[in-house]
Amino acid sequence: MRQLLNKALSRYERRFPAYGILPFLIALIFNMAVFFLTKVFTDSGAHVNLWLPLDDRIPFCTWMVIPYVASFPFWVATYLMAGRIGKDYYFKFITADLLGKSVCLLFFLLMPTTIVRPEFEVRNLGDWMLKAIYFFDSPTNLFPSLHCFMSWMCFRAVFRQKAIPVRYQVFAFVLNLLIFASTVMTKQHYIVDVPAGILLAEIALALAYHTPVSRLTAALFDKINKKVHLDRPEEPAGPEREKLE
């Protein structure tokens, strides 16, 4: 059984290292829990509305749902790509991810926010896609924006990394700008949610590099990886930076 597992991991590690499997899954599960499970406890209660006069000046465009939805595969692809840069780098990155989402969890539970969505008729594909988003996603858990937090985390993960093609770094930045615009132009968020998500990402990254918490999470990941036989030798994809600067 161990030999079969090692053989399977050897093939898989050509695309994603074994040490990153557990942190990636933990980040994914925690993200789902923070966003969806908190709604169970707060959707029926009172919510804060963070509307600003500037929000009324932002145009409503259903076609901006496209970059909004494009963020989902972008997150997955970039979180997997970051895992190939290096073990220490990835553990610190995931630590920042978990720290930021823990702050989101507190805000979603203690200061739940909501938004007033516009009514519109379905006339094209963009309208239909946004209606589907509105149907499945209640207008809550807005501040800080998880969409903006995770998108900026993705950009920071690949920025100035020699192991990541420059064209992908440029793509990540441009897509970030489109995602930020999409969150407010689809009326999924108020304007204040956007900088809050970006700032949270920067604070989480700073904490991951300047406090002992990343060493604690790295030790935990290593311990569990050994128990489930994911402690295979690291094969770095290329030179890695010391910090997410």
Protein backbone atom coordinates (compact mmCIF):
# COMPACT_ATOMS: atom_id res chain seq x y z
CA MET A 1 0.00 0.00 0.00
CA ARG A 2 2.82 2.43 0.90
CA GLN A 3 4.52 1.70 -2.44
CA LEU A 4 1.32 2.34 -4.36
CA LEU A 5 0.84 5.61 -2.49
CA ASN A 6 4.41 6.71 -3.23
CA LYS A 7 3.99 5.83 -6.89
CA ALA A 8 0.76 7.83 -7.12
CA LEU A 9 2.32 10.80 -5.33
CA SER A 10 5.37 10.73 -7.61
CA ARG A 11 3.12 11.20 -10.62
CA TYR A 12 1.03 13.86 -8.92
CA GLU A 13 4.06 15.83 -7.67
CA ARG A 14 5.01 16.66 -11.21
CA ARG A 15 2.20 19.20 -10.99
CA PHE A 16 1.80 19.83 -7.26
CA PRO A 17 4.10 18.79 -4.37
CA ALA A 18 2.80 16.39 -1.75
CA TYR A 19 3.63 18.75 1.13
CA GLY A 20 1.08 21.24 -0.21
CA ILE A 21 -1.91 18.90 -0.44
CA LEU A 22 -2.92 19.17 3.22
CA PRO A 23 -2.50 22.98 3.54
CA PHE A 24 -4.42 23.50 0.29
CA LEU A 25 -7.33 21.33 1.45
CA ILE A 26 -7.41 23.01 4.87
CA ALA A 27 -7.52 26.45 3.23
CA LEU A 28 -10.30 25.31 0.90
CA ILE A 29 -12.44 23.78 3.65
CA PHE A 30 -11.91 26.73 5.98
CA ASN A 31 -12.91 29.14 3.21
CA MET A 32 -16.19 27.29 2.66
CA ALA A 33 -16.87 27.19 6.38
CA VAL A 34 -16.14 30.89 6.90
CA PHE A 35 -18.35 32.02 4.05
CA PHE A 36 -21.25 29.57 4.11
CA LEU A 37 -21.57 28.25 7.67
CA THR A 38 -21.57 31.74 9.19
CA LYS A 39 -24.64 32.55 7.12
CA VAL A 40 -26.52 29.83 8.99
CA PHE A 41 -26.07 31.78 12.22
CA THR A 42 -26.45 35.35 10.93
CA ASP A 43 -28.75 35.49 7.88
CA SER A 44 -31.90 35.67 10.00
CA GLY A 45 -30.57 38.42 12.28
CA ALA A 46 -29.89 42.14 11.99
CA HIS A 47 -27.22 43.32 9.55
CA VAL A 48 -25.14 46.45 9.11
CA ASN A 49 -25.36 48.39 5.84
CA LEU A 50 -22.06 50.06 4.87
CA TRP A 51 -23.47 52.07 1.96
CA LEU A 52 -21.63 55.26 1.00
CA PRO A 53 -22.80 58.02 -1.40
CA LEU A 54 -20.03 56.91 -3.77
CA ASP A 55 -21.76 53.54 -4.20
CA ASP A 56 -24.66 55.20 -6.02
CA ARG A 57 -22.22 56.61 -8.58
CA ILE A 58 -20.88 53.18 -9.51
CA PRO A 59 -22.73 51.82 -12.57
CA PHE A 60 -24.55 48.49 -12.47
CA CYS A 61 -23.37 46.08 -15.18
CA THR A 62 -24.47 42.46 -15.29
CA TRP A 63 -21.67 41.55 -17.73
CA MET A 64 -19.15 42.22 -14.96
CA VAL A 65 -20.29 38.93 -13.51
CA ILE A 66 -17.79 37.30 -15.90
CA PRO A 67 -14.61 38.40 -14.04
CA TYR A 68 -16.52 37.84 -10.80
CA VAL A 69 -17.04 34.17 -11.70
CA ALA A 70 -13.59 33.87 -13.30
CA SER A 71 -12.10 34.46 -9.87
CA PHE A 72 -13.04 30.95 -8.73
CA PRO A 73 -10.78 28.96 -11.12
CA PHE A 74 -8.17 31.73 -10.76
CA TRP A 75 -7.99 31.14 -7.01
CA VAL A 76 -7.63 27.39 -7.34
CA ALA A 77 -5.02 27.58 -10.11
CA THR A 78 -2.92 30.20 -8.30
CA TYR A 79 -3.09 28.52 -4.88
CA LEU A 80 -1.84 25.32 -6.55
CA MET A 81 0.80 27.22 -8.51
CA ALA A 82 2.10 28.88 -5.33
CA GLY A 83 2.61 25.43 -3.82
CA ARG A 84 5.27 24.69 -6.41
CA ILE A 85 7.45 27.65 -5.40
CA GLY A 86 8.75 26.09 -2.19
CA LYS A 87 7.65 24.43 1.02
CA ASP A 88 8.53 27.21 3.46
CA TYR A 89 7.08 29.80 1.11
CA TYR A 90 3.81 27.90 0.73
CA PHE A 91 3.37 27.22 4.43
CA LYS A 92 3.76 30.93 5.17
CA PHE A 93 1.35 31.79 2.37
CA ILE A 94 -1.29 29.39 3.69
CA THR A 95 -0.71 30.71 7.21
CA ALA A 96 -1.52 34.22 5.95
CA ASP A 97 -4.59 32.83 4.20
CA LEU A 98 -5.88 31.21 7.39
CA LEU A 99 -5.15 34.33 9.47
CA GLY A 100 -7.08 36.55 7.06
CA LYS A 101 -10.04 34.22 6.89
CA SER A 102 -10.10 33.99 10.69
CA VAL A 103 -10.52 37.77 10.79
CA CYS A 104 -13.30 37.46 8.20
CA LEU A 105 -14.97 34.86 10.40
CA LEU A 106 -15.05 37.29 13.31
CA PHE A 107 -16.46 40.11 11.19
CA PHE A 108 -19.09 37.86 9.60
CA LEU A 109 -20.28 36.67 13.01
CA LEU A 110 -19.94 39.85 15.08
CA MET A 111 -20.70 42.50 12.46
CA PRO A 112 -22.72 40.86 9.69
CA THR A 113 -23.25 43.15 6.72
CA THR A 114 -25.73 43.27 3.89
CA ILE A 115 -26.37 45.09 0.61
CA VAL A 116 -29.46 46.22 -1.29
CA ARG A 117 -29.43 44.55 -4.71
CA PRO A 118 -31.10 46.03 -7.79
CA GLU A 119 -34.04 44.41 -9.54
CA PHE A 120 -33.59 43.66 -13.24
CA GLU A 121 -35.02 41.54 -16.03
CA VAL A 122 -33.10 38.68 -17.61
CA ARG A 123 -32.36 39.60 -21.23
CA ASN A 124 -28.93 38.11 -21.94
CA LEU A 125 -26.31 35.68 -20.64
CA GLY A 126 -24.80 38.22 -18.26
CA ASP A 127 -28.22 38.86 -16.71
CA TRP A 128 -28.83 35.13 -16.32
CA MET A 129 -25.43 34.50 -14.72
CA LEU A 130 -25.88 37.31 -12.21
CA LYS A 131 -29.41 36.17 -11.38
CA ALA A 132 -27.95 32.75 -10.62
CA ILE A 133 -25.36 34.32 -8.32
CA TYR A 134 -28.08 36.29 -6.57
CA PHE A 135 -30.17 33.14 -6.16
CA PHE A 136 -27.44 30.98 -4.61
CA ASP A 137 -25.60 33.67 -2.66
CA SER A 138 -27.48 35.69 -0.07
CA PRO A 139 -26.45 39.39 0.13
CA THR A 140 -24.48 38.96 3.35
CA ASN A 141 -20.88 38.39 4.53
CA LEU A 142 -19.62 41.44 2.67
CA PHE A 143 -17.06 43.14 4.92
CA PRO A 144 -14.22 42.55 4.40
CA SER A 145 -14.61 41.18 0.88
CA LEU A 146 -13.43 37.58 0.67
CA HIS A 147 -13.44 37.97 -3.10
CA CYS A 148 -10.94 40.82 -2.91
CA PHE A 149 -8.95 39.21 -0.11
CA MET A 150 -8.37 35.94 -1.96
CA SER A 151 -7.75 37.61 -5.32
CA TRP A 152 -5.10 39.91 -3.86
CA MET A 153 -3.55 36.97 -2.02
CA CYS A 154 -3.23 35.21 -5.37
CA PHE A 155 -1.50 38.18 -6.96
CA ARG A 156 0.88 38.58 -4.02
CA ALA A 157 1.68 34.87 -4.15
CA VAL A 158 3.04 35.04 -7.69
CA PHE A 159 4.33 38.62 -7.78
CA ARG A 160 8.09 38.86 -8.49
CA GLN A 161 8.49 35.09 -8.35
CA LYS A 162 11.14 33.79 -10.78
CA ALA A 163 9.38 30.42 -10.89
CA ILE A 164 6.19 32.09 -12.17
CA PRO A 165 6.07 33.40 -15.77
CA VAL A 166 5.93 37.20 -15.96
CA ARG A 167 2.93 36.99 -18.27
CA TYR A 168 1.00 35.17 -15.55
CA GLN A 169 1.97 37.79 -12.99
CA VAL A 170 0.66 40.52 -15.31
CA PHE A 171 -2.47 38.47 -15.96
CA ALA A 172 -3.04 38.07 -12.20
CA PHE A 173 -2.77 41.82 -11.63
CA VAL A 174 -5.12 42.75 -14.47
CA LEU A 175 -7.62 40.12 -13.39
CA ASN A 176 -7.46 41.49 -9.85
CA LEU A 177 -8.47 44.94 -11.10
CA LEU A 178 -11.38 43.42 -13.02
CA ILE A 179 -12.46 41.36 -10.01
CA PHE A 180 -12.38 44.41 -7.73
CA ALA A 181 -14.53 46.30 -10.22
CA SER A 182 -16.88 43.35 -10.64
CA THR A 183 -17.66 43.11 -6.94
CA VAL A 184 -19.11 46.62 -6.88
CA MET A 185 -20.50 46.80 -10.44
CA THR A 186 -22.55 43.62 -9.89
CA LYS A 187 -23.72 45.09 -6.57
CA GLN A 188 -22.34 42.16 -4.66
CA HIS A 189 -20.35 44.54 -2.47
CA TYR A 190 -20.17 48.14 -1.37
CA ILE A 191 -17.01 50.10 -2.19
CA VAL A 192 -15.66 49.95 1.37
CA ASP A 193 -15.50 46.15 1.22
CA VAL A 194 -12.83 46.24 -1.51
CA PRO A 195 -9.97 48.08 0.25
CA ALA A 196 -10.85 46.21 3.44
CA GLY A 197 -10.18 42.89 1.71
CA ILE A 198 -6.90 44.12 0.19
CA LEU A 199 -5.69 45.62 3.47
CA LEU A 200 -6.57 42.43 5.32
CA ALA A 201 -4.44 40.41 2.89
CA GLU A 202 -1.46 42.71 3.44
CA ILE A 203 -1.80 42.54 7.23
CA ALA A 204 -2.15 38.75 7.16
CA LEU A 205 0.97 38.41 5.00
CA ALA A 206 2.93 40.68 7.35
CA LEU A 207 1.85 38.66 10.38
CA ALA A 208 2.79 35.40 8.68
CA TYR A 209 6.34 36.68 8.18
CA HIS A 210 6.93 38.70 11.33
CA THR A 211 5.36 36.56 14.05
CA PRO A 212 6.01 32.95 15.19
CA VAL A 213 2.59 31.82 14.00
CA SER A 214 3.89 30.57 10.63
CA ARG A 215 6.42 28.36 12.41
CA LEU A 216 3.62 26.86 14.47
CA THR A 217 1.45 26.11 11.44
CA ALA A 218 4.46 24.73 9.53
CA ALA A 219 5.25 22.38 12.42
CA LEU A 220 1.62 21.27 12.50
CA PHE A 221 1.53 20.66 8.73
CA ASP A 222 4.79 18.70 8.89
CA LYS A 223 3.54 16.55 11.76
CA ILE A 224 0.30 15.65 10.01
CA ASN A 225 2.05 15.14 6.67
CA LYS A 226 4.33 12.56 8.29
CA LYS A 227 1.38 10.69 9.73
CA VAL A 228 -0.38 10.49 6.37
CA HIS A 229 2.86 9.84 4.43
CA LEU A 230 2.96 13.19 2.62
CA ASP A 231 6.42 14.11 3.97
CA ARG A 232 8.24 13.48 0.72
CA PRO A 233 11.50 15.32 -0.05
CA GLU A 234 10.96 18.78 -1.49
CA GLU A 235 11.87 19.41 -5.12
CA PRO A 236 11.82 23.19 -5.56
CA ALA A 237 10.40 24.49 -8.84
CA GLY A 238 12.83 27.39 -8.90
CA PRO A 239 14.37 30.20 -6.83
CA GLU A 240 12.00 31.47 -4.18
CA ARG A 241 11.87 34.86 -2.50
CA GLU A 242 12.37 35.13 1.24
CA LYS A 243 9.24 37.22 1.73
CA LEU A 244 6.03 38.14 -0.02
CA GLU A 245 7.13 41.72 -0.61
